[in-house]
Amino acid sequence: MPIKVTCIAPVNIAIIKYWGKRDDDLILPINDSISVTLSTDHLRTKTTITAGPEITKNVLYLNGVEESFDNPRILRCFQEVRKKAKASGKCPKPELLEWNIHVESENNFPTAAGLASSAAGYACFVYTLATLYGIESDELSGIARMGSGSACRSLHSGYVQWARGERADGLDSLAIQLAPASAWPDMHVLILVVSDRKKATASTHGMATSVKTSDLLKHRASVCVPERVKLVQKAITEKDFDTFGRIAMKDSNQFHAICLDTYPPCFYMNDVSRSVIRMVDQINKLAGENAPVRVAYSFDAGPNACLFLMEKDVAEVSAIVRRVFPFNGCTAEEYYKGIPNDEPAIEAIPTTVLESFVAEEPNQLRYIIHTKVGDGPKRVD
């Protein structure tokens, strides 16, 4: 009889960005990175793997469309998990390791649009395959990394650091949890989806070009990142949102500066993205020029914004977002997804605050997702 396993895995958003490889085959980064794992209640990849003697070949479907299973990264992850399962002797049914598999994977968020879909996808593929074969999850970081570098971070909950490592074989380039999601329960995230279209320049191509041509990238990796990693580690431990937010925004800015310093340049943000940055800057200045940061933005390789903020500020910030980016092409439920708003808190916001923000043209954002820091992969069937 065929055996079926279904698991989900989360998206992670880097606060200290990964951009650049020191080894393309093993996917070894040129610098450490730190990320936040988002709740699978609102953004997740769901993967079902069926293994059986009647399955004549390995098949992969992504969002209902058949993809090539001969993708080198897919094959490598598949072979490495099987090899580890054979070596462990823990596979509940040894013939499983000889059967072909049928994979169905789907995202409930835009794919290839700069929201870490490949990280969630490869993490879910590796985790589901390992669950099928009876492998412990703490053995998977290095395998997921060989599918998509940042996938190793999506194997953990909360706040995660992916170590650059020093070894040529990559055995020390692994992701570790800095703190669980429960360590900082007030942290919330608003994802502003500017575009759900596939980006023009794939991250892999843009990254490789940056490594070859950007002088700023080398300076960032050797000088800026080591210091920022220490500051963010400390900020997470001490729940220091001001430091966390400032570093998140500076590192995001520098990452996109590297994309412009690349030749030919890579363009991931657009005019709406820049309007989001101006809005966040104005929000932070409401309390005074030298007041602590209330909301911080971070953009991965795409135009979509991730806004980090404390729970006490969610109502006001989300109201401002909807003031600056009005909509008229859908319902409120379609526009603002995820964790519901606290309507009484929104109604208490002074109109003078909202009126100090100028509205953009309607429908600049596709929708907003309100979520929190969340847990790592899990089996759901």
Protein backbone atom coordinates (compact mmCIF):
# COMPACT_ATOMS: atom_id res chain seq x y z
CA MET A 1 0.00 0.00 0.00
CA PRO A 2 1.25 3.53 -0.71
CA ILE A 3 2.28 5.68 2.25
CA LYS A 4 1.40 9.38 2.40
CA VAL A 5 2.74 12.19 4.63
CA THR A 6 1.67 15.87 4.71
CA CYS A 7 3.63 18.65 6.43
CA ILE A 8 3.73 22.44 6.48
CA ALA A 9 6.74 24.78 6.76
CA PRO A 10 7.01 28.51 7.41
CA VAL A 11 8.33 31.54 5.57
CA ASN A 12 11.30 33.29 7.16
CA ILE A 13 12.26 36.93 6.65
CA ALA A 14 15.91 37.88 7.06
CA ILE A 15 16.79 40.80 9.32
CA ILE A 16 20.48 40.40 8.43
CA LYS A 17 20.34 39.42 4.76
CA TYR A 18 21.96 36.47 3.00
CA TRP A 19 23.25 37.67 -0.37
CA GLY A 20 26.22 35.95 -1.95
CA LYS A 21 27.70 32.45 -1.97
CA ARG A 22 31.26 31.29 -1.34
CA ASP A 23 30.36 27.93 -2.90
CA ASP A 24 27.58 27.68 -5.48
CA ASP A 25 27.20 23.89 -5.43
CA LEU A 26 26.92 23.50 -1.66
CA ILE A 27 25.19 26.89 -1.27
CA LEU A 28 27.57 28.25 1.34
CA PRO A 29 27.05 31.96 2.17
CA ILE A 30 29.69 34.67 2.35
CA ASN A 31 28.21 36.00 5.61
CA ASP A 32 26.04 35.00 8.55
CA SER A 33 22.35 35.91 8.45
CA ILE A 34 19.58 36.25 11.04
CA SER A 35 15.90 35.74 10.29
CA VAL A 36 12.44 35.75 11.84
CA THR A 37 10.18 32.74 11.25
CA LEU A 38 6.59 33.76 10.47
CA SER A 39 3.46 31.97 11.62
CA THR A 40 2.24 29.09 9.45
CA ASP A 41 -1.30 30.22 10.31
CA HIS A 42 -0.93 32.86 7.60
CA LEU A 43 2.05 32.03 5.34
CA ARG A 44 3.14 28.48 4.71
CA THR A 45 4.08 25.84 2.20
CA LYS A 46 2.10 22.61 2.43
CA THR A 47 3.64 19.48 0.94
CA THR A 48 2.21 16.00 0.55
CA ILE A 49 4.55 13.15 -0.43
CA THR A 50 3.17 9.77 -1.44
CA ALA A 51 5.48 6.77 -1.86
CA GLY A 52 4.37 3.47 -3.31
CA PRO A 53 5.47 0.52 -5.45
CA GLU A 54 2.96 1.45 -8.18
CA ILE A 55 4.42 4.95 -8.70
CA THR A 56 6.44 4.55 -11.91
CA LYS A 57 8.55 7.73 -11.66
CA ASN A 58 9.28 10.61 -9.32
CA VAL A 59 6.83 13.47 -9.92
CA LEU A 60 6.63 17.01 -8.50
CA TYR A 61 3.70 19.42 -8.66
CA LEU A 62 4.00 23.02 -7.43
CA ASN A 63 0.73 24.92 -7.04
CA GLY A 64 -0.93 22.39 -9.34
CA VAL A 65 1.65 22.67 -12.14
CA GLU A 66 4.06 19.82 -12.88
CA GLU A 67 7.71 20.80 -12.43
CA SER A 68 10.81 18.86 -13.41
CA PHE A 69 11.97 16.45 -10.73
CA ASP A 70 15.37 16.46 -12.47
CA ASN A 71 16.14 19.91 -11.03
CA PRO A 72 19.65 19.39 -9.56
CA ARG A 73 18.68 20.92 -6.21
CA ILE A 74 15.55 18.79 -5.87
CA LEU A 75 17.51 15.67 -6.75
CA ARG A 76 20.28 16.50 -4.34
CA CYS A 77 17.91 17.03 -1.41
CA PHE A 78 16.07 13.82 -2.31
CA GLN A 79 19.27 11.79 -2.53
CA GLU A 80 20.80 13.26 0.64
CA VAL A 81 17.70 12.55 2.74
CA ARG A 82 17.55 8.98 1.40
CA LYS A 83 21.25 8.48 2.12
CA LYS A 84 20.83 9.74 5.68
CA ALA A 85 17.77 7.53 6.17
CA LYS A 86 19.64 4.45 5.00
CA ALA A 87 22.59 5.24 7.27
CA SER A 88 20.34 5.81 10.29
CA GLY A 89 18.47 2.53 9.95
CA LYS A 90 15.36 4.28 11.34
CA CYS A 91 13.14 4.02 8.28
CA PRO A 92 9.94 2.31 9.48
CA LYS A 93 9.60 0.39 6.22
CA PRO A 94 12.92 -0.25 4.41
CA GLU A 95 11.27 -0.73 0.99
CA LEU A 96 10.15 2.92 1.21
CA LEU A 97 13.70 3.90 0.31
CA GLU A 98 13.39 2.12 -3.04
CA TRP A 99 9.96 3.43 -4.04
CA ASN A 100 9.39 6.46 -6.24
CA ILE A 101 7.52 9.43 -4.81
CA HIS A 102 4.71 11.75 -5.88
CA VAL A 103 5.10 15.29 -4.47
CA GLU A 104 2.35 17.92 -4.31
CA SER A 105 3.40 21.29 -2.90
CA GLU A 106 1.43 24.51 -2.62
CA ASN A 107 2.00 27.98 -1.19
CA ASN A 108 -0.76 30.12 0.30
CA PHE A 109 1.24 33.26 -0.59
CA PRO A 110 2.81 34.60 -3.81
CA THR A 111 5.51 32.35 -5.28
CA ALA A 112 8.84 33.79 -6.58
CA ALA A 113 7.74 37.33 -5.64
CA GLY A 114 10.35 38.04 -2.97
CA LEU A 115 8.59 36.47 0.03
CA ALA A 116 11.00 33.55 0.58
CA SER A 117 8.84 30.97 -1.19
CA SER A 118 11.87 28.85 -2.11
CA ALA A 119 12.99 28.77 1.52
CA ALA A 120 9.60 27.54 2.72
CA GLY A 121 9.30 25.18 -0.25
CA TYR A 122 12.63 23.39 0.14
CA ALA A 123 12.32 23.30 3.93
CA CYS A 124 8.90 21.67 3.57
CA PHE A 125 10.11 19.19 0.93
CA VAL A 126 13.08 18.08 3.03
CA TYR A 127 11.08 17.96 6.27
CA THR A 128 8.20 15.99 4.72
CA LEU A 129 10.60 13.54 3.07
CA ALA A 130 12.48 13.09 6.34
CA THR A 131 9.20 12.53 8.19
CA LEU A 132 8.28 9.85 5.64
CA TYR A 133 11.62 8.11 6.21
CA GLY A 134 11.73 8.54 10.01
CA ILE A 135 14.67 10.98 10.26
CA GLU A 136 14.99 13.43 13.16
CA SER A 137 14.51 17.08 12.17
CA ASP A 138 17.77 18.25 13.78
CA GLU A 139 19.68 16.42 11.03
CA LEU A 140 18.16 18.39 8.16
CA SER A 141 19.69 21.88 8.21
CA GLY A 142 22.60 21.13 5.89
CA ILE A 143 20.36 19.25 3.44
CA ALA A 144 17.72 21.98 3.19
CA ARG A 145 20.51 24.51 2.64
CA MET A 146 21.54 22.65 -0.52
CA GLY A 147 18.06 23.21 -1.95
CA SER A 148 17.75 26.89 -1.11
CA GLY A 149 20.21 28.55 1.22
CA SER A 150 17.70 30.26 3.46
CA ALA A 151 15.59 27.07 3.66
CA CYS A 152 17.80 25.96 6.55
CA ARG A 153 16.39 28.88 8.58
CA SER A 154 12.78 27.76 7.92
CA LEU A 155 13.44 24.54 9.85
CA HIS A 156 13.36 26.45 13.15
CA SER A 157 10.82 28.52 15.00
CA GLY A 158 11.31 32.05 16.27
CA TYR A 159 14.61 33.84 15.68
CA VAL A 160 17.26 31.97 13.72
CA GLN A 161 20.90 32.47 12.74
CA TRP A 162 22.47 30.77 9.74
CA ALA A 163 26.20 30.51 10.32
CA ARG A 164 28.50 31.18 7.38
CA GLY A 165 30.84 28.42 8.51
CA GLU A 166 34.50 28.02 7.65
CA ARG A 167 34.77 24.48 6.34
CA ALA A 168 34.99 23.87 2.60
CA ASP A 169 32.57 20.93 2.88
CA GLY A 170 29.91 23.12 4.52
CA LEU A 171 29.35 20.87 7.53
CA ASP A 172 29.51 23.89 9.86
CA SER A 173 27.23 26.09 7.75
CA LEU A 174 24.01 25.37 9.63
CA ALA A 175 21.04 27.22 11.07
CA ILE A 176 20.51 27.43 14.84
CA GLN A 177 17.68 28.89 16.88
CA LEU A 178 18.57 32.06 18.80
CA ALA A 179 15.23 32.26 20.59
CA PRO A 180 11.82 30.59 20.25
CA ALA A 181 8.76 32.48 19.03
CA SER A 182 7.51 32.66 22.62
CA ALA A 183 10.60 34.61 23.73
CA TRP A 184 9.27 37.89 22.31
CA PRO A 185 5.48 37.50 22.14
CA ASP A 186 4.79 41.18 21.41
CA MET A 187 6.51 41.05 18.00
CA HIS A 188 4.06 41.39 15.11
CA VAL A 189 4.52 41.63 11.34
CA LEU A 190 2.55 43.39 8.62
CA ILE A 191 3.34 42.15 5.12
CA LEU A 192 2.45 44.67 2.44
CA VAL A 193 2.06 42.77 -0.82
CA VAL A 194 2.95 45.26 -3.56
CA SER A 195 3.13 42.65 -6.31
CA ASP A 196 2.41 38.94 -6.50
CA ARG A 197 4.08 38.56 -9.88
CA LYS A 198 7.26 36.58 -10.42
CA LYS A 199 10.26 38.89 -10.11
CA ALA A 200 12.23 39.81 -13.23
CA THR A 201 15.65 38.84 -11.82
CA ALA A 202 15.81 35.56 -9.93
CA SER A 203 17.66 35.75 -6.61
CA THR A 204 20.21 33.11 -7.68
CA HIS A 205 21.20 35.08 -10.78
CA GLY A 206 21.22 38.44 -9.01
CA MET A 207 23.31 37.07 -6.16
CA ALA A 208 25.91 35.55 -8.47
CA THR A 209 26.24 38.82 -10.40
CA SER A 210 26.63 40.81 -7.17
CA VAL A 211 29.44 38.53 -5.98
CA LYS A 212 31.31 39.12 -9.25
CA THR A 213 30.78 42.86 -9.62
CA SER A 214 29.83 44.63 -6.36
CA ASP A 215 32.58 46.18 -4.24
CA LEU A 216 30.01 47.17 -1.63
CA LEU A 217 29.03 43.52 -1.11
CA LYS A 218 32.56 42.61 -0.04
CA HIS A 219 32.67 45.49 2.45
CA ARG A 220 29.28 44.56 3.88
CA ALA A 221 30.20 40.89 4.37
CA SER A 222 33.54 41.55 6.03
CA VAL A 223 32.87 44.74 8.01
CA CYS A 224 29.17 45.48 8.49
CA VAL A 225 27.54 42.09 9.00
CA PRO A 226 29.71 40.75 11.87
CA GLU A 227 28.93 43.81 13.99
CA ARG A 228 25.23 43.80 13.05
CA VAL A 229 24.88 40.13 13.94
CA LYS A 230 26.14 40.83 17.48
CA LEU A 231 23.79 43.80 17.86
CA VAL A 232 20.72 41.87 16.66
CA GLN A 233 21.55 38.85 18.85
CA LYS A 234 21.70 41.19 21.86
CA ALA A 235 18.54 43.04 20.81
CA ILE A 236 16.57 39.76 20.60
CA THR A 237 17.83 38.66 24.02
CA GLU A 238 16.99 42.01 25.61
CA LYS A 239 13.80 42.65 23.58
CA ASP A 240 15.31 45.91 22.40
CA PHE A 241 13.04 46.81 19.48
CA ASP A 242 14.73 50.13 18.78
CA THR A 243 18.07 48.44 17.97
CA PHE A 244 16.36 45.53 16.22
CA GLY A 245 14.37 47.89 13.99
CA ARG A 246 17.21 50.23 13.12
CA ILE A 247 19.52 47.38 12.12
CA ALA A 248 16.73 45.71 10.11
CA MET A 249 16.17 48.88 8.08
CA LYS A 250 19.86 49.65 7.61
CA ASP A 251 20.63 46.13 6.45
CA SER A 252 17.66 46.14 4.07
CA ASN A 253 18.82 49.47 2.64
CA GLN A 254 22.36 48.22 2.21
CA PHE A 255 21.22 45.01 0.54
CA HIS A 256 19.31 46.98 -2.08
CA ALA A 257 22.26 49.37 -2.44
CA ILE A 258 24.35 46.31 -3.32
CA CYS A 259 21.77 45.37 -5.94
CA LEU A 260 22.28 48.83 -7.48
CA ASP A 261 26.06 48.48 -7.12
CA THR A 262 25.82 45.24 -9.12
CA TYR A 263 26.63 45.49 -12.83
CA PRO A 264 24.28 45.36 -14.58
CA PRO A 265 22.15 46.48 -11.62
CA CYS A 266 19.28 44.45 -10.14
CA PHE A 267 16.02 46.25 -9.38
CA TYR A 268 13.80 44.59 -6.79
CA MET A 269 11.99 47.51 -5.14
CA ASN A 270 9.69 49.86 -7.04
CA ASP A 271 8.00 53.23 -6.49
CA VAL A 272 5.39 51.74 -4.15
CA SER A 273 8.17 50.13 -2.09
CA ARG A 274 9.79 53.53 -1.71
CA SER A 275 6.46 55.05 -0.67
CA VAL A 276 6.30 52.42 2.10
CA ILE A 277 9.75 53.50 3.31
CA ARG A 278 8.69 57.17 3.41
CA MET A 279 5.55 56.21 5.34
CA VAL A 280 7.53 54.21 7.92
CA ASP A 281 9.98 57.10 8.35
CA GLN A 282 7.07 59.48 8.96
CA ILE A 283 5.48 57.10 11.51
CA ASN A 284 8.73 56.88 13.43
CA LYS A 285 9.05 60.68 13.50
CA LEU A 286 5.56 61.15 14.98
CA ALA A 287 6.89 60.71 18.52
CA GLY A 288 9.87 62.99 17.94
CA GLU A 289 13.08 63.05 15.94
CA ASN A 290 15.10 61.02 18.48
CA ALA A 291 12.31 58.75 19.74
CA PRO A 292 12.74 54.95 19.61
CA VAL A 293 11.74 53.16 16.43
CA ARG A 294 8.07 52.06 16.45
CA VAL A 295 7.97 50.22 13.13
CA ALA A 296 10.76 48.84 10.92
CA TYR A 297 10.70 47.76 7.29
CA SER A 298 12.65 45.02 5.56
CA PHE A 299 12.59 44.14 1.86
CA ASP A 300 13.94 40.87 0.51
CA ALA A 301 14.63 40.42 -3.22
CA GLY A 302 11.27 41.81 -4.30
CA PRO A 303 9.02 44.86 -3.90
CA ASN A 304 6.96 43.51 -0.99
CA ALA A 305 7.51 45.05 2.44
CA CYS A 306 7.69 43.31 5.81
CA LEU A 307 6.94 45.71 8.65
CA PHE A 308 8.00 44.68 12.16
CA LEU A 309 6.31 46.31 15.14
CA MET A 310 5.14 45.76 18.68
CA GLU A 311 1.60 44.57 19.39
CA LYS A 312 0.66 47.87 21.09
CA ASP A 313 1.35 49.76 17.85
CA VAL A 314 -0.44 47.43 15.42
CA ALA A 315 -3.81 49.20 15.43
CA GLU A 316 -2.40 52.66 14.75
CA VAL A 317 0.17 51.54 12.18
CA SER A 318 -2.30 49.38 10.26
CA ALA A 319 -4.77 52.28 10.21
CA ILE A 320 -2.05 54.55 8.81
CA VAL A 321 -1.13 51.94 6.19
CA ARG A 322 -4.73 51.82 5.02
CA ARG A 323 -4.88 55.62 5.02
CA VAL A 324 -1.76 55.90 2.85
CA PHE A 325 -2.67 52.91 0.65
CA PRO A 326 -6.46 52.96 0.19
CA PHE A 327 -8.32 50.30 -1.75
CA ASN A 328 -11.60 50.09 -3.63
CA GLY A 329 -11.21 46.96 -5.72
CA CYS A 330 -12.00 44.36 -3.04
CA THR A 331 -13.61 43.86 0.35
CA ALA A 332 -11.92 44.79 3.62
CA GLU A 333 -11.54 41.08 4.43
CA GLU A 334 -9.77 40.47 1.11
CA TYR A 335 -7.50 43.49 1.61
CA TYR A 336 -6.50 42.94 5.25
CA LYS A 337 -5.82 39.27 5.95
CA GLY A 338 -4.45 37.28 8.86
CA ILE A 339 -4.88 38.41 12.47
CA PRO A 340 -7.98 40.62 12.76
CA ASN A 341 -7.66 44.27 13.75
CA ASP A 342 -8.58 45.67 17.14
CA GLU A 343 -11.37 47.94 15.88
CA PRO A 344 -11.91 49.89 19.15
CA ALA A 345 -8.20 50.74 19.24
CA ILE A 346 -8.34 51.97 15.64
CA GLU A 347 -11.34 54.18 16.39
CA ALA A 348 -9.40 55.78 19.27
CA ILE A 349 -6.65 57.06 16.98
CA PRO A 350 -6.83 60.88 16.69
CA THR A 351 -7.96 62.01 13.24
CA THR A 352 -5.12 64.55 13.25
CA VAL A 353 -2.65 61.65 13.20
CA LEU A 354 -4.25 59.98 10.21
CA GLU A 355 -4.75 63.25 8.35
CA SER A 356 -1.04 64.02 8.59
CA PHE A 357 -0.45 61.19 6.08
CA VAL A 358 -1.14 61.81 2.40
CA ALA A 359 -3.02 59.07 0.59
CA GLU A 360 -1.53 57.45 -2.49
CA GLU A 361 -3.59 56.43 -5.51
CA PRO A 362 -5.98 53.57 -4.62
CA ASN A 363 -4.99 49.92 -5.01
CA GLN A 364 -1.21 50.39 -4.89
CA LEU A 365 -1.08 47.35 -2.59
CA ARG A 366 -2.59 44.01 -3.55
CA TYR A 367 -3.33 43.18 0.09
CA ILE A 368 -1.91 43.18 3.63
CA ILE A 369 -1.16 40.15 5.82
CA HIS A 370 -1.05 40.65 9.59
CA THR A 371 0.92 37.86 11.25
CA LYS A 372 3.27 37.04 14.12
CA VAL A 373 6.49 35.17 14.79
CA GLY A 374 5.78 31.46 14.59
CA ASP A 375 6.90 27.87 14.80
CA GLY A 376 8.91 25.65 12.48
CA PRO A 377 7.68 22.79 10.26
CA LYS A 378 5.22 20.20 11.51
CA ARG A 379 3.26 17.22 10.29
CA VAL A 380 -0.43 17.96 9.76
CA ASP A 381 -1.99 14.78 8.37
